[in-house]
Amino acid sequence: MRGFKSSLVVAGLLLCSVQAEALDKTGESLKALQKISDGFAELAAEVKPGVVAIATERKMEAPLRSPFFHQGQQPRDGAGSGVLVRFKGENYILTNNHVINGAENIRVELPDSRFFDAEIVGADSLSDLALLKIAGKNLPTVKLGDSDALREGEWVLAIGNPFGFSHSITTGIVSALGRDRSRDEYGSYIQTDAAINPGNSGGALVNLRGELVGINTAIISSGGGPFGGSGGNVGIGFAIPVNMAKFVMGELIEHGQVRRGLLGVQISDLNPLLAEAMGLETTDGVLISKVLEGRAAAKGGVEEEDVVLEIEGKKVHDSTELKSIIGRTAPGTKIELLLLRNGDKKRLTVELEALTEEALAANEVGS
């Protein structure tokens, strides 16, 4: 009997030990979760002061290229977001072109309740970016990051003014990189499931280091295709990569407009059947479907049915990436192309021309 009681005592002690260990592990888990929560709160406190609300007034209807309004629904007054950044020693506000397009007056409000009238430094419809300036002092800015270093699955925060709810914060991950934009635009999109809604346009997408990695721009909405439907978030939002924004800012500040290179070709992506027929093991690369007469590519020796594999030693995966690279390279720049031609690899040097209104009108923006 004594042995039985002793066994019960030992079993009880073991059970208490297991329970204590479980409680201890639960405590550790709760502490770890609290650290994560504290980290997000500290990040939001650091970045939020640099994200502003933008209100615009229009005296006449202007054709907005906004993904949040259908034709015939453009408002006379608008609202959006912007991000205070320091670039080339000066403070600026980055936002979307569609936020300020056609505005007669632009008012900027900071999270600390200060407000200013803003002037437009420059705007670029092909990237849907605009640059503003205000006369304020001691302005809080958001650090510029490197969108080329982003990885799918990274945590990000979106900060803006959705539906007029000033300086709202949502969180999610980078869902995809290099998403296509519309045919008449340059660059690619970062896709995120952080909630983005009307009014978030021009706001900040930041990584966990508090660095700006994107400018929130567009959504896919319920009840319709891209940018259609009810206007509410369904977990698919898009941001312009900050490296594209850096290029556009530099061009607007230095030249008052964005100078873009033009290769002078029409391009298309490879499909598996075409890639296999050309002896390729993947669909990486871009097919030259047409070389425009007299343009840079023709002068440099590029031929139809060439496949662009690399530009300046960097692998080119698809037509969106090729167009982005050419579009953020200054006219007059000489670039080296690695091509696949009739099963053989060939290197050519091409001097880019300038993308002009004439080329745009002739629909020569394939690249």
Protein backbone atom coordinates (compact mmCIF):
# COMPACT_ATOMS: atom_id res chain seq x y z
CA MET A 1 0.00 0.00 0.00
CA ARG A 2 2.86 2.28 0.92
CA GLY A 3 4.47 1.64 -2.47
CA PHE A 4 1.22 2.41 -4.24
CA LYS A 5 0.93 5.72 -2.39
CA SER A 6 4.54 6.52 -3.20
CA SER A 7 3.83 5.89 -6.87
CA LEU A 8 0.85 8.22 -6.73
CA VAL A 9 2.99 10.93 -5.15
CA VAL A 10 5.67 10.50 -7.82
CA ALA A 11 3.04 10.56 -10.58
CA GLY A 12 1.51 13.67 -9.07
CA LEU A 13 4.88 15.38 -8.91
CA LEU A 14 5.61 14.45 -12.51
CA LEU A 15 2.21 15.80 -13.60
CA CYS A 16 2.82 19.04 -11.73
CA SER A 17 6.24 19.27 -13.35
CA VAL A 18 4.77 18.75 -16.85
CA GLN A 19 2.03 21.30 -16.16
CA ALA A 20 4.57 23.80 -14.83
CA GLU A 21 6.76 23.25 -17.91
CA ALA A 22 3.74 23.72 -20.19
CA LEU A 23 2.78 26.90 -18.36
CA ASP A 24 6.36 28.09 -18.60
CA LYS A 25 6.40 27.44 -22.36
CA THR A 26 3.06 29.20 -22.71
CA GLY A 27 4.53 32.15 -20.86
CA GLU A 28 7.53 32.18 -23.16
CA SER A 29 5.24 32.06 -26.20
CA LEU A 30 3.15 34.93 -24.87
CA LYS A 31 6.30 36.95 -24.26
CA ALA A 32 7.47 36.26 -27.82
CA LEU A 33 4.09 37.33 -29.21
CA GLN A 34 4.17 40.47 -27.10
CA LYS A 35 7.61 41.31 -28.48
CA ILE A 36 6.24 41.00 -32.01
CA SER A 37 3.27 43.18 -31.09
CA ASP A 38 5.56 45.76 -29.49
CA GLY A 39 7.75 45.71 -32.60
CA PHE A 40 4.81 46.54 -34.87
CA ALA A 41 3.67 49.32 -32.52
CA GLU A 42 7.16 50.84 -32.41
CA LEU A 43 7.45 50.61 -36.19
CA ALA A 44 4.09 52.31 -36.69
CA ALA A 45 5.06 55.09 -34.27
CA GLU A 46 8.31 55.63 -36.18
CA VAL A 47 6.84 55.74 -39.68
CA LYS A 48 3.34 57.20 -39.22
CA PRO A 49 4.49 60.84 -38.69
CA GLY A 50 5.90 60.87 -42.23
CA VAL A 51 2.70 59.79 -43.99
CA VAL A 52 0.40 62.69 -44.86
CA ALA A 53 -3.20 63.18 -45.94
CA ILE A 54 -3.75 65.01 -49.23
CA ALA A 55 -6.93 66.89 -50.13
CA THR A 56 -7.43 68.42 -53.57
CA GLU A 57 -9.87 70.89 -55.10
CA ARG A 58 -10.74 70.93 -58.78
CA LYS A 59 -12.63 73.75 -60.48
CA MET A 60 -13.40 71.55 -63.47
CA GLU A 61 -13.74 67.87 -64.14
CA ALA A 62 -10.37 66.37 -65.04
CA PRO A 63 -9.89 62.92 -66.59
CA LEU A 64 -8.40 61.05 -63.66
CA ARG A 65 -6.39 57.90 -64.30
CA SER A 66 -7.43 56.61 -60.92
CA PRO A 67 -8.18 52.92 -60.37
CA PHE A 68 -10.75 53.92 -57.75
CA PHE A 69 -13.21 55.77 -59.99
CA HIS A 70 -15.03 54.74 -63.15
CA GLN A 71 -15.57 57.11 -66.08
CA GLY A 72 -18.29 59.59 -65.21
CA GLN A 73 -17.71 59.18 -61.46
CA GLN A 74 -14.73 61.52 -61.05
CA PRO A 75 -15.17 63.76 -58.03
CA ARG A 76 -14.60 67.51 -58.08
CA ASP A 77 -12.69 67.18 -54.82
CA GLY A 78 -10.34 64.33 -54.06
CA ALA A 79 -8.41 62.77 -51.25
CA GLY A 80 -5.36 60.60 -51.04
CA SER A 81 -2.11 60.08 -49.21
CA GLY A 82 1.54 61.00 -49.54
CA VAL A 83 4.91 60.18 -48.01
CA LEU A 84 7.47 62.68 -46.74
CA VAL A 85 10.94 61.67 -47.91
CA ARG A 86 14.38 63.25 -47.98
CA PHE A 87 15.99 63.13 -51.40
CA LYS A 88 19.11 64.91 -52.64
CA GLY A 89 19.24 66.96 -49.45
CA GLU A 90 15.67 68.29 -49.66
CA ASN A 91 12.30 67.24 -48.25
CA TYR A 92 9.59 66.20 -50.70
CA ILE A 93 6.23 64.44 -50.69
CA LEU A 94 5.81 61.42 -52.92
CA THR A 95 2.28 60.60 -54.07
CA ASN A 96 0.38 59.28 -57.07
CA ASN A 97 -0.22 61.37 -60.18
CA HIS A 98 -3.88 60.38 -60.12
CA VAL A 99 -4.23 61.88 -56.63
CA ILE A 100 -3.25 65.39 -57.74
CA ASN A 101 -4.06 65.31 -61.47
CA GLY A 102 -6.09 68.37 -62.48
CA ALA A 103 -6.03 69.87 -58.97
CA GLU A 104 -6.29 73.63 -58.57
CA ASN A 105 -5.41 73.53 -54.88
CA ILE A 106 -3.58 70.87 -52.88
CA ARG A 107 -3.71 70.80 -49.08
CA VAL A 108 -1.43 68.52 -47.04
CA GLU A 109 -2.16 67.53 -43.43
CA LEU A 110 0.43 65.90 -41.18
CA PRO A 111 -0.39 63.48 -38.34
CA ASP A 112 0.67 66.20 -35.86
CA SER A 113 -2.29 68.31 -37.15
CA ARG A 114 -0.14 70.79 -39.08
CA PHE A 115 -1.40 71.59 -42.56
CA PHE A 116 0.17 73.26 -45.59
CA ASP A 117 -0.57 74.27 -49.14
CA ALA A 118 1.57 72.20 -51.50
CA GLU A 119 3.15 72.99 -54.84
CA ILE A 120 3.75 70.42 -57.55
CA VAL A 121 7.43 69.86 -58.31
CA GLY A 122 6.56 67.52 -61.15
CA ALA A 123 4.30 64.66 -62.19
CA ASP A 124 4.63 61.65 -64.46
CA SER A 125 1.54 59.90 -65.83
CA LEU A 126 3.49 56.90 -67.22
CA SER A 127 4.56 55.83 -63.73
CA ASP A 128 1.57 57.43 -61.94
CA LEU A 129 3.91 59.28 -59.58
CA ALA A 130 4.01 62.92 -58.53
CA LEU A 131 6.32 65.00 -56.36
CA LEU A 132 5.14 67.81 -54.07
CA LYS A 133 6.85 70.31 -51.81
CA ILE A 134 5.65 72.17 -48.72
CA ALA A 135 7.20 75.02 -46.73
CA GLY A 136 7.11 73.30 -43.33
CA LYS A 137 10.07 72.96 -40.98
CA ASN A 138 11.14 69.99 -38.85
CA LEU A 139 9.30 67.63 -41.17
CA PRO A 140 9.38 63.92 -40.25
CA THR A 141 10.52 61.79 -43.18
CA VAL A 142 10.37 58.09 -43.99
CA LYS A 143 13.65 56.38 -44.91
CA LEU A 144 13.96 55.25 -48.52
CA GLY A 145 14.50 51.50 -48.85
CA ASP A 146 15.52 49.17 -51.68
CA SER A 147 12.59 47.49 -53.42
CA ASP A 148 14.96 45.29 -55.43
CA ALA A 149 15.87 43.57 -52.15
CA LEU A 150 12.23 42.71 -51.31
CA ARG A 151 11.28 39.05 -51.01
CA GLU A 152 7.90 37.41 -51.37
CA GLY A 153 6.53 36.62 -47.93
CA GLU A 154 8.11 39.62 -46.19
CA TRP A 155 5.94 41.45 -43.68
CA VAL A 156 4.97 44.98 -44.69
CA LEU A 157 2.80 47.79 -43.33
CA ALA A 158 0.53 50.01 -45.44
CA ILE A 159 -0.15 53.48 -44.06
CA GLY A 160 -2.56 56.00 -45.53
CA ASN A 161 -6.01 57.57 -45.34
CA PRO A 162 -8.58 55.02 -46.57
CA PHE A 163 -12.14 56.33 -46.90
CA GLY A 164 -11.06 59.47 -45.03
CA PHE A 165 -9.93 57.58 -41.91
CA SER A 166 -6.73 59.54 -41.42
CA HIS A 167 -3.40 57.82 -40.95
CA SER A 168 -4.67 54.24 -40.79
CA ILE A 169 -2.26 51.31 -40.56
CA THR A 170 -2.70 47.79 -41.95
CA THR A 171 -0.31 44.89 -42.13
CA GLY A 172 0.28 41.97 -44.44
CA ILE A 173 2.97 40.38 -46.57
CA VAL A 174 4.51 40.87 -49.98
CA SER A 175 2.32 38.53 -52.01
CA ALA A 176 4.21 38.83 -55.32
CA LEU A 177 6.75 40.96 -57.16
CA GLY A 178 6.96 42.22 -60.73
CA ARG A 179 3.23 42.30 -61.41
CA ASP A 180 2.20 43.72 -64.80
CA ARG A 181 0.81 47.21 -65.14
CA SER A 182 -1.43 48.55 -67.88
CA ARG A 183 0.03 48.67 -71.37
CA ASP A 184 0.52 52.44 -71.41
CA GLU A 185 2.37 52.59 -68.07
CA TYR A 186 5.97 51.90 -67.11
CA GLY A 187 7.30 49.78 -64.29
CA SER A 188 5.82 46.90 -62.33
CA TYR A 189 3.84 46.49 -59.13
CA ILE A 190 4.50 44.99 -55.73
CA GLN A 191 1.45 42.93 -54.75
CA THR A 192 0.44 42.85 -51.08
CA ASP A 193 -2.44 41.56 -48.96
CA ALA A 194 -2.11 44.49 -46.53
CA ALA A 195 -5.49 46.19 -46.77
CA ILE A 196 -5.46 49.06 -49.30
CA ASN A 197 -8.63 51.03 -50.02
CA PRO A 198 -9.67 54.28 -51.75
CA GLY A 199 -7.73 57.08 -50.09
CA ASN A 200 -4.64 54.90 -49.58
CA SER A 201 -3.34 56.00 -52.98
CA GLY A 202 0.06 57.66 -52.58
CA GLY A 203 0.57 56.22 -49.09
CA ALA A 204 3.50 54.22 -47.74
CA LEU A 205 4.31 50.56 -47.96
CA VAL A 206 7.15 49.96 -45.48
CA ASN A 207 9.20 46.95 -44.41
CA LEU A 208 9.93 45.96 -40.82
CA ARG A 209 13.03 48.16 -40.81
CA GLY A 210 10.79 51.19 -41.26
CA GLU A 211 12.00 51.75 -44.82
CA LEU A 212 9.74 52.89 -47.65
CA VAL A 213 9.61 50.09 -50.22
CA GLY A 214 6.54 51.12 -52.23
CA ILE A 215 3.90 53.76 -52.92
CA ASN A 216 0.42 52.26 -52.55
CA THR A 217 -1.49 52.80 -55.78
CA ALA A 218 -4.21 50.37 -56.81
CA ILE A 219 -6.44 47.46 -55.82
CA ILE A 220 -8.45 44.65 -57.29
CA SER A 221 -11.93 45.11 -55.90
CA SER A 222 -14.83 42.76 -55.23
CA GLY A 223 -17.50 42.53 -57.89
CA GLY A 224 -15.23 43.29 -60.82
CA GLY A 225 -11.87 42.90 -62.46
CA PRO A 226 -8.79 45.02 -61.76
CA PHE A 227 -9.79 48.30 -60.10
CA GLY A 228 -13.50 47.56 -60.62
CA GLY A 229 -16.36 46.46 -58.40
CA SER A 230 -17.37 48.07 -55.15
CA GLY A 231 -14.05 49.72 -54.39
CA GLY A 232 -13.45 47.63 -51.25
CA ASN A 233 -10.34 45.65 -50.40
CA VAL A 234 -10.26 41.91 -51.10
CA GLY A 235 -6.63 41.30 -50.18
CA ILE A 236 -5.01 42.16 -53.50
CA GLY A 237 -3.37 45.56 -53.48
CA PHE A 238 -0.54 47.05 -55.52
CA ALA A 239 2.32 49.44 -54.83
CA ILE A 240 4.88 51.11 -57.09
CA PRO A 241 8.39 49.95 -56.10
CA VAL A 242 10.39 52.66 -54.36
CA ASN A 243 13.34 52.20 -56.72
CA MET A 244 11.09 53.32 -59.57
CA ALA A 245 10.04 56.28 -57.41
CA LYS A 246 13.70 57.22 -56.81
CA PHE A 247 14.33 57.26 -60.55
CA VAL A 248 11.24 59.39 -61.22
CA MET A 249 12.07 61.81 -58.39
CA GLY A 250 15.59 62.29 -59.70
CA GLU A 251 14.35 62.99 -63.22
CA LEU A 252 11.64 65.42 -62.09
CA ILE A 253 14.03 67.35 -59.86
CA GLU A 254 16.92 67.47 -62.30
CA HIS A 255 15.08 67.82 -65.61
CA GLY A 256 11.47 68.73 -64.84
CA GLN A 257 10.31 65.62 -66.68
CA VAL A 258 11.09 61.92 -66.81
CA ARG A 259 13.48 61.01 -69.62
CA ARG A 260 13.09 57.39 -70.68
CA GLY A 261 15.09 55.21 -72.98
CA LEU A 262 13.55 53.69 -76.11
CA LEU A 263 14.84 50.46 -77.66
CA GLY A 264 12.41 50.51 -80.58
CA VAL A 265 11.00 47.01 -80.60
CA GLN A 266 7.75 45.21 -79.97
CA ILE A 267 8.05 42.40 -77.47
CA SER A 268 6.18 39.43 -76.04
CA ASP A 269 6.66 36.81 -73.35
CA LEU A 270 7.74 33.27 -74.07
CA ASN A 271 5.36 30.37 -73.56
CA PRO A 272 6.54 26.80 -72.83
CA LEU A 273 6.03 25.58 -76.42
CA LEU A 274 7.97 28.49 -77.91
CA ALA A 275 10.74 28.20 -75.33
CA GLU A 276 11.10 24.47 -76.01
CA ALA A 277 11.24 25.07 -79.77
CA MET A 278 14.09 27.54 -79.22
CA GLY A 279 16.02 25.09 -77.07
CA LEU A 280 15.37 26.91 -73.80
CA GLU A 281 14.69 25.05 -70.56
CA THR A 282 12.59 27.86 -69.03
CA THR A 283 10.34 30.66 -70.22
CA ASP A 284 12.78 33.30 -68.94
CA GLY A 285 13.55 35.83 -71.64
CA VAL A 286 11.69 38.19 -73.97
CA LEU A 287 10.90 37.58 -77.62
CA ILE A 288 11.51 40.41 -80.10
CA SER A 289 8.40 40.16 -82.25
CA LYS A 290 9.17 43.25 -84.32
CA VAL A 291 12.14 45.59 -84.80
CA LEU A 292 11.00 49.11 -85.65
CA GLU A 293 12.80 50.55 -88.66
CA GLY A 294 15.33 53.26 -87.93
CA ARG A 295 15.13 52.87 -84.15
CA ALA A 296 17.93 52.08 -81.69
CA ALA A 297 17.52 48.30 -81.80
CA ALA A 298 17.66 48.21 -85.60
CA LYS A 299 20.77 50.41 -85.61
CA GLY A 300 22.39 48.09 -83.05
CA GLY A 301 21.77 44.93 -85.05
CA VAL A 302 18.82 43.42 -83.16
CA GLU A 303 16.65 41.17 -85.34
CA GLU A 304 13.12 39.83 -85.18
CA GLU A 305 12.77 36.51 -83.32
CA ASP A 306 15.82 37.30 -81.18
CA VAL A 307 15.28 36.45 -77.51
CA VAL A 308 16.65 38.91 -74.94
CA LEU A 309 18.18 36.87 -72.11
CA GLU A 310 20.14 39.56 -70.25
CA ILE A 311 20.58 43.33 -70.10
CA GLU A 312 23.89 44.56 -68.69
CA GLY A 313 24.56 41.09 -67.26
CA LYS A 314 21.21 40.90 -65.43
CA LYS A 315 18.80 38.13 -66.36
CA VAL A 316 15.54 39.34 -67.91
CA HIS A 317 12.55 37.20 -66.93
CA ASP A 318 9.67 38.76 -68.86
CA SER A 319 8.49 41.70 -70.95
CA THR A 320 7.40 43.71 -67.91
CA GLU A 321 10.91 43.53 -66.50
CA LEU A 322 12.53 44.44 -69.82
CA LYS A 323 10.23 47.43 -70.27
CA SER A 324 10.96 48.56 -66.69
CA ILE A 325 14.73 48.39 -67.20
CA ILE A 326 14.65 50.30 -70.49
CA GLY A 327 12.13 52.80 -69.13
CA ARG A 328 14.34 53.80 -66.21
CA THR A 329 17.52 54.10 -68.30
CA ALA A 330 18.42 57.53 -69.62
CA PRO A 331 18.43 58.15 -73.39
CA GLY A 332 21.93 58.01 -74.87
CA THR A 333 22.96 55.17 -72.55
CA LYS A 334 24.72 52.26 -74.20
CA ILE A 335 23.47 48.90 -72.95
CA GLU A 336 24.75 45.39 -73.61
CA LEU A 337 22.18 42.79 -74.63
CA LEU A 338 22.69 39.05 -74.45
CA LEU A 339 20.49 37.55 -77.16
CA LEU A 340 19.58 34.08 -78.31
CA ARG A 341 19.55 33.93 -82.12
CA ASN A 342 19.04 30.68 -84.04
CA GLY A 343 20.21 28.66 -81.05
CA ASP A 344 23.39 30.69 -80.47
CA LYS A 345 24.06 33.38 -77.89
CA LYS A 346 25.11 36.78 -79.17
CA ARG A 347 26.11 40.02 -77.44
CA LEU A 348 25.22 43.41 -78.91
CA THR A 349 25.61 46.98 -77.68
CA VAL A 350 22.70 49.33 -78.34
CA GLU A 351 22.52 53.06 -77.64
CA LEU A 352 19.03 53.93 -76.39
CA GLU A 353 16.99 56.71 -77.95
CA ALA A 354 14.58 58.98 -76.11
CA LEU A 355 10.96 57.99 -75.61
CA THR A 356 9.04 60.86 -77.22
CA GLU A 357 5.43 61.93 -77.53
CA GLU A 358 5.68 60.88 -81.16
CA ALA A 359 6.72 57.36 -80.17
CA LEU A 360 3.92 57.23 -77.60
CA ALA A 361 1.36 58.37 -80.18
CA ALA A 362 2.63 55.71 -82.60
CA ASN A 363 2.25 53.07 -79.88
CA GLU A 364 5.98 52.30 -79.96
CA VAL A 365 6.25 51.92 -76.19
CA GLY A 366 6.72 48.14 -76.31
CA SER A 367 10.23 49.07 -75.30
